[in-house]
Amino acid sequence: MSLLVNYEFMIKRTNNIVILLFIFSYLLIGSCASSNPGATYATVEEAEAARAKDKKAAAKAQKKAQKENEKRYWKMQSKAAKKRIRKTRRRNKKEKRKKRGCIF
């Protein structure tokens, strides 16, 4: 009797697995469909222009974030540290200019 019960349980379990597999594959087919016609571009030039526009927006956002980070960095520094950092940057800039003028 117990063998029969286990066998029936396995049949029900297999049916449930098949149903879940069917539902899962149905959902995946919808996400694998091609994109909407409105989302694609008619010509290569349009696609390149849109890509350049996105790249420009990303660069602008990155520049803004970098500016905010630098502003926050300077705000956290003490007056003496700010002075030391400025002097070090100036010294490095002078050394770089001298090195650029020199052949060796």
PDB file of N, CA and C in Angstrom:
ATOM      1  N   MET A   1       0.822  -1.188   0.000  1.00  0.00           N
ATOM      2  CA  MET A   1       0.000   0.000   0.000  1.00  0.00           C
ATOM      3  C   MET A   1       0.870   1.257   0.000  1.00  0.00           C
ATOM      4  N   SER A   2       1.962   1.268   0.767  1.00  0.00           N
ATOM      5  CA  SER A   2       2.807   2.454   0.855  1.00  0.00           C
ATOM      6  C   SER A   2       3.524   2.709  -0.481  1.00  0.00           C
ATOM      7  N   LEU A   3       3.827   1.646  -1.230  1.00  0.00           N
ATOM      8  CA  LEU A   3       4.463   1.819  -2.531  1.00  0.00           C
ATOM      9  C   LEU A   3       3.533   2.540  -3.498  1.00  0.00           C
ATOM     10  N   LEU A   4       2.263   2.217  -3.436  1.00  0.00           N
ATOM     11  CA  LEU A   4       1.274   2.838  -4.308  1.00  0.00           C
ATOM     12  C   LEU A   4       1.131   4.326  -3.988  1.00  0.00           C
ATOM     13  N   VAL A   5       1.156   4.673  -2.731  1.00  0.00           N
ATOM     14  CA  VAL A   5       1.031   6.071  -2.310  1.00  0.00           C
ATOM     15  C   VAL A   5       2.247   6.864  -2.783  1.00  0.00           C
ATOM     16  N   ASN A   6       3.434   6.313  -2.623  1.00  0.00           N
ATOM     17  CA  ASN A   6       4.647   6.998  -3.070  1.00  0.00           C
ATOM     18  C   ASN A   6       4.650   7.181  -4.581  1.00  0.00           C
ATOM     19  N   TYR A   7       4.138   6.191  -5.299  1.00  0.00           N
ATOM     20  CA  TYR A   7       4.087   6.275  -6.757  1.00  0.00           C
ATOM     21  C   TYR A   7       3.125   7.379  -7.200  1.00  0.00           C
ATOM     22  N   GLU A   8       1.968   7.452  -6.544  1.00  0.00           N
ATOM     23  CA  GLU A   8       0.996   8.506  -6.875  1.00  0.00           C
ATOM     24  C   GLU A   8       1.572   9.889  -6.554  1.00  0.00           C
ATOM     25  N   PHE A   9       2.298   9.983  -5.472  1.00  0.00           N
ATOM     26  CA  PHE A   9       2.921  11.258  -5.104  1.00  0.00           C
ATOM     27  C   PHE A   9       3.923  11.694  -6.177  1.00  0.00           C
ATOM     28  N   MET A  10       4.679  10.716  -6.708  1.00  0.00           N
ATOM     29  CA  MET A  10       5.661  11.042  -7.737  1.00  0.00           C
ATOM     30  C   MET A  10       4.987  11.517  -9.018  1.00  0.00           C
ATOM     31  N   ILE A  11       3.842  10.933  -9.359  1.00  0.00           N
ATOM     32  CA  ILE A  11       3.108  11.364 -10.555  1.00  0.00           C
ATOM     33  C   ILE A  11       2.619  12.798 -10.370  1.00  0.00           C
ATOM     34  N   LYS A  12       2.061  13.101  -9.197  1.00  0.00           N
ATOM     35  CA  LYS A  12       1.577  14.456  -8.932  1.00  0.00           C
ATOM     36  C   LYS A  12       2.741  15.444  -8.942  1.00  0.00           C
ATOM     37  N   ARG A  13       3.852  15.025  -8.388  1.00  0.00           N
ATOM     38  CA  ARG A  13       5.029  15.898  -8.337  1.00  0.00           C
ATOM     39  C   ARG A  13       5.538  16.182  -9.752  1.00  0.00           C
ATOM     40  N   THR A  14       5.566  15.162 -10.605  1.00  0.00           N
ATOM     41  CA  THR A  14       6.005  15.335 -11.985  1.00  0.00           C
ATOM     42  C   THR A  14       5.071  16.278 -12.728  1.00  0.00           C
ATOM     43  N   ASN A  15       3.764  16.139 -12.504  1.00  0.00           N
ATOM     44  CA  ASN A  15       2.800  17.032 -13.149  1.00  0.00           C
ATOM     45  C   ASN A  15       3.026  18.479 -12.705  1.00  0.00           C
ATOM     46  N   ASN A  16       3.286  18.665 -11.425  1.00  0.00           N
ATOM     47  CA  ASN A  16       3.536  20.021 -10.927  1.00  0.00           C
ATOM     48  C   ASN A  16       4.800  20.613 -11.555  1.00  0.00           C
ATOM     49  N   ILE A  17       5.817  19.791 -11.697  1.00  0.00           N
ATOM     50  CA  ILE A  17       7.065  20.258 -12.304  1.00  0.00           C
ATOM     51  C   ILE A  17       6.833  20.651 -13.758  1.00  0.00           C
ATOM     52  N   VAL A  18       6.073  19.862 -14.482  1.00  0.00           N
ATOM     53  CA  VAL A  18       5.780  20.162 -15.888  1.00  0.00           C
ATOM     54  C   VAL A  18       4.999  21.467 -15.999  1.00  0.00           C
ATOM     55  N   ILE A  19       4.030  21.659 -15.125  1.00  0.00           N
ATOM     56  CA  ILE A  19       3.234  22.894 -15.148  1.00  0.00           C
ATOM     57  C   ILE A  19       4.114  24.106 -14.838  1.00  0.00           C
ATOM     58  N   LEU A  20       4.958  23.981 -13.814  1.00  0.00           N
ATOM     59  CA  LEU A  20       5.857  25.090 -13.482  1.00  0.00           C
ATOM     60  C   LEU A  20       6.836  25.379 -14.621  1.00  0.00           C
ATOM     61  N   LEU A  21       7.338  24.345 -15.254  1.00  0.00           N
ATOM     62  CA  LEU A  21       8.243  24.514 -16.383  1.00  0.00           C
ATOM     63  C   LEU A  21       7.549  25.223 -17.543  1.00  0.00           C
ATOM     64  N   PHE A  22       6.305  24.868 -17.802  1.00  0.00           N
ATOM     65  CA  PHE A  22       5.527  25.506 -18.861  1.00  0.00           C
ATOM     66  C   PHE A  22       5.316  26.995 -18.569  1.00  0.00           C
ATOM     67  N   ILE A  23       4.948  27.319 -17.335  1.00  0.00           N
ATOM     68  CA  ILE A  23       4.725  28.719 -16.957  1.00  0.00           C
ATOM     69  C   ILE A  23       6.031  29.508 -17.060  1.00  0.00           C
ATOM     70  N   PHE A  24       7.114  28.934 -16.580  1.00  0.00           N
ATOM     71  CA  PHE A  24       8.412  29.604 -16.622  1.00  0.00           C
ATOM     72  C   PHE A  24       8.857  29.860 -18.061  1.00  0.00           C
ATOM     73  N   SER A  25       8.690  28.861 -18.937  1.00  0.00           N
ATOM     74  CA  SER A  25       9.084  29.043 -20.339  1.00  0.00           C
ATOM     75  C   SER A  25       8.199  30.083 -21.023  1.00  0.00           C
ATOM     76  N   TYR A  26       6.934  30.151 -20.667  1.00  0.00           N
ATOM     77  CA  TYR A  26       6.022  31.154 -21.234  1.00  0.00           C
ATOM     78  C   TYR A  26       6.477  32.560 -20.855  1.00  0.00           C
ATOM     79  N   LEU A  27       6.901  32.729 -19.611  1.00  0.00           N
ATOM     80  CA  LEU A  27       7.378  34.042 -19.173  1.00  0.00           C
ATOM     81  C   LEU A  27       8.687  34.415 -19.862  1.00  0.00           C
ATOM     82  N   LEU A  28       9.562  33.440 -20.068  1.00  0.00           N
ATOM     83  CA  LEU A  28      10.839  33.723 -20.716  1.00  0.00           C
ATOM     84  C   LEU A  28      10.673  34.079 -22.185  1.00  0.00           C
ATOM     85  N   ILE A  29       9.736  33.455 -22.861  1.00  0.00           N
ATOM     86  CA  ILE A  29       9.524  33.754 -24.279  1.00  0.00           C
ATOM     87  C   ILE A  29       9.106  35.214 -24.450  1.00  0.00           C
ATOM     88  N   GLY A  30       8.304  35.722 -23.544  1.00  0.00           N
ATOM     89  CA  GLY A  30       7.891  37.121 -23.621  1.00  0.00           C
ATOM     90  C   GLY A  30       9.054  38.071 -23.454  1.00  0.00           C
ATOM     91  N   SER A  31      10.013  37.735 -22.600  1.00  0.00           N
ATOM     92  CA  SER A  31      11.156  38.625 -22.387  1.00  0.00           C
ATOM     93  C   SER A  31      12.205  38.479 -23.481  1.00  0.00           C
ATOM     94  N   CYS A  32      12.205  37.382 -24.218  1.00  0.00           N
ATOM     95  CA  CYS A  32      13.189  37.189 -25.280  1.00  0.00           C
ATOM     96  C   CYS A  32      12.719  37.752 -26.616  1.00  0.00           C
ATOM     97  N   ALA A  33      11.519  38.252 -26.683  1.00  0.00           N
ATOM     98  CA  ALA A  33      11.007  38.793 -27.939  1.00  0.00           C
ATOM     99  C   ALA A  33      11.827  40.005 -28.348  1.00  0.00           C
ATOM    100  N   SER A  34      11.794  40.316 -29.635  1.00  0.00           N
ATOM    101  CA  SER A  34      12.562  41.471 -30.111  1.00  0.00           C
ATOM    102  C   SER A  34      11.991  42.751 -29.527  1.00  0.00           C
ATOM    103  N   SER A  35      12.807  43.776 -29.529  1.00  0.00           N
ATOM    104  CA  SER A  35      12.384  45.041 -28.932  1.00  0.00           C
ATOM    105  C   SER A  35      11.307  45.698 -29.782  1.00  0.00           C
ATOM    106  N   ASN A  36      10.644  46.645 -29.189  1.00  0.00           N
ATOM    107  CA  ASN A  36       9.559  47.340 -29.882  1.00  0.00           C
ATOM    108  C   ASN A  36      10.106  48.050 -31.120  1.00  0.00           C
ATOM    109  N   PRO A  37       9.304  48.195 -32.149  1.00  0.00           N
ATOM    110  CA  PRO A  37       9.772  48.909 -33.331  1.00  0.00           C
ATOM    111  C   PRO A  37      10.113  50.365 -33.033  1.00  0.00           C
ATOM    112  N   GLY A  38       9.440  50.972 -32.065  1.00  0.00           N
ATOM    113  CA  GLY A  38       9.703  52.359 -31.719  1.00  0.00           C
ATOM    114  C   GLY A  38      11.044  52.549 -31.037  1.00  0.00           C
ATOM    115  N   ALA A  39      11.571  51.512 -30.408  1.00  0.00           N
ATOM    116  CA  ALA A  39      12.824  51.621 -29.666  1.00  0.00           C
ATOM    117  C   ALA A  39      14.049  51.480 -30.567  1.00  0.00           C
ATOM    118  N   THR A  40      13.877  50.972 -31.780  1.00  0.00           N
ATOM    119  CA  THR A  40      15.006  50.814 -32.694  1.00  0.00           C
ATOM    120  C   THR A  40      15.104  52.034 -33.606  1.00  0.00           C
ATOM    121  N   TYR A  41      16.260  52.228 -34.189  1.00  0.00           N
ATOM    122  CA  TYR A  41      16.491  53.384 -35.050  1.00  0.00           C
ATOM    123  C   TYR A  41      16.460  52.958 -36.506  1.00  0.00           C
ATOM    124  N   ALA A  42      15.974  53.855 -37.361  1.00  0.00           N
ATOM    125  CA  ALA A  42      15.817  53.535 -38.774  1.00  0.00           C
ATOM    126  C   ALA A  42      17.162  53.512 -39.498  1.00  0.00           C
ATOM    127  N   THR A  43      18.052  54.419 -39.143  1.00  0.00           N
ATOM    128  CA  THR A  43      19.335  54.490 -39.836  1.00  0.00           C
ATOM    129  C   THR A  43      20.486  54.396 -38.837  1.00  0.00           C
ATOM    130  N   VAL A  44      21.647  54.152 -39.389  1.00  0.00           N
ATOM    131  CA  VAL A  44      22.850  54.058 -38.566  1.00  0.00           C
ATOM    132  C   VAL A  44      23.186  55.424 -37.974  1.00  0.00           C
ATOM    133  N   GLU A  45      22.965  56.473 -38.754  1.00  0.00           N
ATOM    134  CA  GLU A  45      23.271  57.828 -38.291  1.00  0.00           C
ATOM    135  C   GLU A  45      22.442  58.189 -37.063  1.00  0.00           C
ATOM    136  N   GLU A  46      21.162  57.821 -37.088  1.00  0.00           N
ATOM    137  CA  GLU A  46      20.295  58.093 -35.934  1.00  0.00           C
ATOM    138  C   GLU A  46      20.788  57.350 -34.699  1.00  0.00           C
ATOM    139  N   ALA A  47      21.177  56.097 -34.896  1.00  0.00           N
ATOM    140  CA  ALA A  47      21.677  55.300 -33.773  1.00  0.00           C
ATOM    141  C   ALA A  47      22.970  55.898 -33.226  1.00  0.00           C
ATOM    142  N   GLU A  48      23.863  56.324 -34.120  1.00  0.00           N
ATOM    143  CA  GLU A  48      25.117  56.930 -33.672  1.00  0.00           C
ATOM    144  C   GLU A  48      24.868  58.244 -32.944  1.00  0.00           C
ATOM    145  N   ALA A  49      23.908  59.036 -33.453  1.00  0.00           N
ATOM    146  CA  ALA A  49      23.584  60.307 -32.801  1.00  0.00           C
ATOM    147  C   ALA A  49      23.018  60.066 -31.407  1.00  0.00           C
ATOM    148  N   ALA A  50      22.133  59.077 -31.287  1.00  0.00           N
ATOM    149  CA  ALA A  50      21.547  58.758 -29.980  1.00  0.00           C
ATOM    150  C   ALA A  50      22.619  58.250 -29.022  1.00  0.00           C
ATOM    151  N   ARG A  51      23.532  57.445 -29.543  1.00  0.00           N
ATOM    152  CA  ARG A  51      24.611  56.917 -28.699  1.00  0.00           C
ATOM    153  C   ARG A  51      25.541  58.040 -28.233  1.00  0.00           C
ATOM    154  N   ALA A  52      25.834  58.978 -29.143  1.00  0.00           N
ATOM    155  CA  ALA A  52      26.678  60.119 -28.779  1.00  0.00           C
ATOM    156  C   ALA A  52      25.992  60.983 -27.726  1.00  0.00           C
ATOM    157  N   LYS A  53      24.682  61.139 -27.874  1.00  0.00           N
ATOM    158  CA  LYS A  53      23.916  61.932 -26.904  1.00  0.00           C
ATOM    159  C   LYS A  53      23.967  61.277 -25.525  1.00  0.00           C
ATOM    160  N   ASP A  54      23.786  59.955 -25.482  1.00  0.00           N
ATOM    161  CA  ASP A  54      23.852  59.228 -24.209  1.00  0.00           C
ATOM    162  C   ASP A  54      25.252  59.325 -23.600  1.00  0.00           C
ATOM    163  N   LYS A  55      26.272  59.220 -24.458  1.00  0.00           N
ATOM    164  CA  LYS A  55      27.653  59.299 -23.984  1.00  0.00           C
ATOM    165  C   LYS A  55      27.944  60.682 -23.406  1.00  0.00           C
ATOM    166  N   LYS A  56      27.427  61.715 -24.066  1.00  0.00           N
ATOM    167  CA  LYS A  56      27.632  63.083 -23.595  1.00  0.00           C
ATOM    168  C   LYS A  56      26.946  63.296 -22.249  1.00  0.00           C
ATOM    169  N   ALA A  57      25.722  62.754 -22.115  1.00  0.00           N
ATOM    170  CA  ALA A  57      24.993  62.885 -20.846  1.00  0.00           C
ATOM    171  C   ALA A  57      25.724  62.152 -19.723  1.00  0.00           C
ATOM    172  N   ALA A  58      26.261  60.969 -20.032  1.00  0.00           N
ATOM    173  CA  ALA A  58      26.999  60.209 -19.018  1.00  0.00           C
ATOM    174  C   ALA A  58      28.273  60.947 -18.607  1.00  0.00           C
ATOM    175  N   ALA A  59      28.961  61.553 -19.583  1.00  0.00           N
ATOM    176  CA  ALA A  59      30.181  62.308 -19.268  1.00  0.00           C
ATOM    177  C   ALA A  59      29.851  63.518 -18.399  1.00  0.00           C
ATOM    178  N   LYS A  60      28.737  64.166 -18.700  1.00  0.00           N
ATOM    179  CA  LYS A  60      28.318  65.332 -17.914  1.00  0.00           C
ATOM    180  C   LYS A  60      28.000  64.919 -16.477  1.00  0.00           C
ATOM    181  N   ALA A  61      27.297  63.797 -16.324  1.00  0.00           N
ATOM    182  CA  ALA A  61      26.965  63.308 -14.982  1.00  0.00           C
ATOM    183  C   ALA A  61      28.232  62.923 -14.217  1.00  0.00           C
ATOM    184  N   GLN A  62      29.182  62.309 -14.911  1.00  0.00           N
ATOM    185  CA  GLN A  62      30.435  61.915 -14.268  1.00  0.00           C
ATOM    186  C   GLN A  62      31.225  63.147 -13.832  1.00  0.00           C
ATOM    187  N   LYS A  63      31.248  64.160 -14.689  1.00  0.00           N
ATOM    188  CA  LYS A  63      31.964  65.395 -14.355  1.00  0.00           C
ATOM    189  C   LYS A  63      31.330  66.075 -13.148  1.00  0.00           C
ATOM    190  N   LYS A  64      29.999  66.067 -13.104  1.00  0.00           N
ATOM    191  CA  LYS A  64      29.293  66.677 -11.977  1.00  0.00           C
ATOM    192  C   LYS A  64      29.593  65.920 -10.683  1.00  0.00           C
ATOM    193  N   ALA A  65      29.585  64.588 -10.748  1.00  0.00           N
ATOM    194  CA  ALA A  65      29.882  63.777  -9.567  1.00  0.00           C
ATOM    195  C   ALA A  65      31.320  64.013  -9.097  1.00  0.00           C
ATOM    196  N   GLN A  66      32.240  64.132 -10.047  1.00  0.00           N
ATOM    197  CA  GLN A  66      33.639  64.378  -9.693  1.00  0.00           C
ATOM    198  C   GLN A  66      33.783  65.740  -9.017  1.00  0.00           C
ATOM    199  N   LYS A  67      33.068  66.722  -9.526  1.00  0.00           N
ATOM    200  CA  LYS A  67      33.110  68.060  -8.937  1.00  0.00           C
ATOM    201  C   LYS A  67      32.562  68.040  -7.513  1.00  0.00           C
ATOM    202  N   GLU A  68      31.461  67.316  -7.308  1.00  0.00           N
ATOM    203  CA  GLU A  68      30.879  67.192  -5.963  1.00  0.00           C
ATOM    204  C   GLU A  68      31.848  66.497  -5.009  1.00  0.00           C
ATOM    205  N   ASN A  69      32.508  65.445  -5.499  1.00  0.00           N
ATOM    206  CA  ASN A  69      33.476  64.720  -4.661  1.00  0.00           C
ATOM    207  C   ASN A  69      34.642  65.614  -4.267  1.00  0.00           C
ATOM    208  N   GLU A  70      35.133  66.402  -5.225  1.00  0.00           N
ATOM    209  CA  GLU A  70      36.248  67.297  -4.916  1.00  0.00           C
ATOM    210  C   GLU A  70      35.816  68.370  -3.919  1.00  0.00           C
ATOM    211  N   LYS A  71      34.604  68.869  -4.098  1.00  0.00           N
ATOM    212  CA  LYS A  71      34.081  69.878  -3.173  1.00  0.00           C
ATOM    213  C   LYS A  71      33.977  69.301  -1.762  1.00  0.00           C
ATOM    214  N   ARG A  72      33.470  68.078  -1.651  1.00  0.00           N
ATOM    215  CA  ARG A  72      33.343  67.422  -0.349  1.00  0.00           C
ATOM    216  C   ARG A  72      34.723  67.167   0.270  1.00  0.00           C
ATOM    217  N   TYR A  73      35.682  66.772  -0.580  1.00  0.00           N
ATOM    218  CA  TYR A  73      37.045  66.507  -0.113  1.00  0.00           C
ATOM    219  C   TYR A  73      37.657  67.763   0.486  1.00  0.00           C
ATOM    220  N   TRP A  74      37.540  68.890  -0.231  1.00  0.00           N
ATOM    221  CA  TRP A  74      38.131  70.132   0.268  1.00  0.00           C
ATOM    222  C   TRP A  74      37.429  70.617   1.528  1.00  0.00           C
ATOM    223  N   LYS A  75      36.150  70.371   1.622  1.00  0.00           N
ATOM    224  CA  LYS A  75      35.396  70.799   2.804  1.00  0.00           C
ATOM    225  C   LYS A  75      35.862  70.041   4.051  1.00  0.00           C
ATOM    226  N   MET A  76      36.280  68.799   3.874  1.00  0.00           N
ATOM    227  CA  MET A  76      36.704  67.974   5.005  1.00  0.00           C
ATOM    228  C   MET A  76      38.111  68.327   5.503  1.00  0.00           C
ATOM    229  N   GLN A  77      38.931  68.966   4.660  1.00  0.00           N
ATOM    230  CA  GLN A  77      40.316  69.244   5.024  1.00  0.00           C
ATOM    231  C   GLN A  77      40.418  70.457   5.953  1.00  0.00           C
ATOM    232  N   SER A  78      41.446  70.430   6.795  1.00  0.00           N
ATOM    233  CA  SER A  78      41.716  71.587   7.655  1.00  0.00           C
ATOM    234  C   SER A  78      42.421  72.667   6.830  1.00  0.00           C
ATOM    235  N   LYS A  79      42.545  73.846   7.405  1.00  0.00           N
ATOM    236  CA  LYS A  79      43.167  74.963   6.694  1.00  0.00           C
ATOM    237  C   LYS A  79      44.638  74.659   6.378  1.00  0.00           C
ATOM    238  N   ALA A  80      45.349  74.107   7.337  1.00  0.00           N
ATOM    239  CA  ALA A  80      46.763  73.776   7.132  1.00  0.00           C
ATOM    240  C   ALA A  80      46.927  72.687   6.064  1.00  0.00           C
ATOM    241  N   ALA A  81      46.037  71.709   6.090  1.00  0.00           N
ATOM    242  CA  ALA A  81      46.112  70.628   5.104  1.00  0.00           C
ATOM    243  C   ALA A  81      45.838  71.170   3.703  1.00  0.00           C
ATOM    244  N   LYS A  82      44.869  72.085   3.590  1.00  0.00           N
ATOM    245  CA  LYS A  82      44.563  72.697   2.292  1.00  0.00           C
ATOM    246  C   LYS A  82      45.790  73.426   1.753  1.00  0.00           C
ATOM    247  N   LYS A  83      46.458  74.167   2.620  1.00  0.00           N
ATOM    248  CA  LYS A  83      47.642  74.925   2.222  1.00  0.00           C
ATOM    249  C   LYS A  83      48.757  73.981   1.764  1.00  0.00           C
ATOM    250  N   ARG A  84      48.979  72.915   2.518  1.00  0.00           N
ATOM    251  CA  ARG A  84      50.021  71.939   2.187  1.00  0.00           C
ATOM    252  C   ARG A  84      49.718  71.259   0.844  1.00  0.00           C
ATOM    253  N   ILE A  85      48.459  70.903   0.629  1.00  0.00           N
ATOM    254  CA  ILE A  85      48.072  70.240  -0.624  1.00  0.00           C
ATOM    255  C   ILE A  85      48.280  71.181  -1.807  1.00  0.00           C
ATOM    256  N   ARG A  86      47.881  72.451  -1.650  1.00  0.00           N
ATOM    257  CA  ARG A  86      48.058  73.429  -2.722  1.00  0.00           C
ATOM    258  C   ARG A  86      49.538  73.613  -3.065  1.00  0.00           C
ATOM    259  N   LYS A  87      50.376  73.728  -2.037  1.00  0.00           N
ATOM    260  CA  LYS A  87      51.812  73.903  -2.268  1.00  0.00           C
ATOM    261  C   LYS A  87      52.406  72.683  -2.971  1.00  0.00           C
ATOM    262  N   THR A  88      51.981  71.500  -2.553  1.00  0.00           N
ATOM    263  CA  THR A  88      52.483  70.269  -3.179  1.00  0.00           C
ATOM    264  C   THR A  88      52.065  70.205  -4.644  1.00  0.00           C
ATOM    265  N   ARG A  89      50.831  70.566  -4.931  1.00  0.00           N
ATOM    266  CA  ARG A  89      50.371  70.563  -6.323  1.00  0.00           C
ATOM    267  C   ARG A  89      51.163  71.555  -7.160  1.00  0.00           C
ATOM    268  N   ARG A  90      51.407  72.740  -6.622  1.00  0.00           N
ATOM    269  CA  ARG A  90      52.192  73.742  -7.356  1.00  0.00           C
ATOM    270  C   ARG A  90      53.608  73.238  -7.618  1.00  0.00           C
ATOM    271  N   ARG A  91      54.223  72.637  -6.595  1.00  0.00           N
ATOM    272  CA  ARG A  91      55.579  72.114  -6.747  1.00  0.00           C
ATOM    273  C   ARG A  91      55.620  71.018  -7.813  1.00  0.00           C
ATOM    274  N   ASN A  92      54.632  70.123  -7.784  1.00  0.00           N
ATOM    275  CA  ASN A  92      54.579  69.053  -8.783  1.00  0.00           C
ATOM    276  C   ASN A  92      54.391  69.618 -10.186  1.00  0.00           C
ATOM    277  N   LYS A  93      53.562  70.658 -10.295  1.00  0.00           N
ATOM    278  CA  LYS A  93      53.328  71.285 -11.591  1.00  0.00           C
ATOM    279  C   LYS A  93      54.620  71.903 -12.132  1.00  0.00           C
ATOM    280  N   LYS A  94      55.378  72.590 -11.260  1.00  0.00           N
ATOM    281  CA  LYS A  94      56.653  73.191 -11.674  1.00  0.00           C
ATOM    282  C   LYS A  94      57.636  72.114 -12.115  1.00  0.00           C
ATOM    283  N   GLU A  95      57.736  71.032 -11.341  1.00  0.00           N
ATOM    284  CA  GLU A  95      58.650  69.940 -11.694  1.00  0.00           C
ATOM    285  C   GLU A  95      58.276  69.326 -13.037  1.00  0.00           C
ATOM    286  N   LYS A  96      56.987  69.176 -13.280  1.00  0.00           N
ATOM    287  CA  LYS A  96      56.529  68.603 -14.533  1.00  0.00           C
ATOM    288  C   LYS A  96      56.902  69.512 -15.707  1.00  0.00           C
ATOM    289  N   ARG A  97      56.728  70.842 -15.523  1.00  0.00           N
ATOM    290  CA  ARG A  97      57.098  71.796 -16.570  1.00  0.00           C
ATOM    291  C   ARG A  97      58.601  71.748 -16.849  1.00  0.00           C
ATOM    292  N   LYS A  98      59.405  71.689 -15.793  1.00  0.00           N
ATOM    293  CA  LYS A  98      60.858  71.632 -15.960  1.00  0.00           C
ATOM    294  C   LYS A  98      61.271  70.340 -16.659  1.00  0.00           C
ATOM    295  N   LYS A  99      60.627  69.246 -16.285  1.00  0.00           N
ATOM    296  CA  LYS A  99      60.957  67.949 -16.872  1.00  0.00           C
ATOM    297  C   LYS A  99      60.573  67.915 -18.352  1.00  0.00           C
ATOM    298  N   ARG A 100      59.479  68.554 -18.707  1.00  0.00           N
ATOM    299  CA  ARG A 100      59.016  68.570 -20.085  1.00  0.00           C
ATOM    300  C   ARG A 100      59.996  69.355 -20.965  1.00  0.00           C
ATOM    301  N   GLY A 101      60.590  70.422 -20.417  1.00  0.00           N
ATOM    302  CA  GLY A 101      61.545  71.226 -21.167  1.00  0.00           C
ATOM    303  C   GLY A 101      62.889  70.545 -21.328  1.00  0.00           C
ATOM    304  N   CYS A 102      63.223  69.644 -20.448  1.00  0.00           N
ATOM    305  CA  CYS A 102      64.523  68.972 -20.466  1.00  0.00           C
ATOM    306  C   CYS A 102      64.480  67.744 -21.373  1.00  0.00           C
ATOM    307  N   ILE A 103      65.584  67.478 -22.072  1.00  0.00           N
ATOM    308  CA  ILE A 103      65.652  66.303 -22.946  1.00  0.00           C
ATOM    309  C   ILE A 103      65.796  65.032 -22.124  1.00  0.00           C
ATOM    310  N   PHE A 104      66.609  65.084 -21.051  1.00  0.00           N
ATOM    311  CA  PHE A 104      66.866  63.880 -20.264  1.00  0.00           C
ATOM    312  C   PHE A 104      66.025  63.840 -19.035  1.00  0.00           C
TER     313      PHE A 104
END
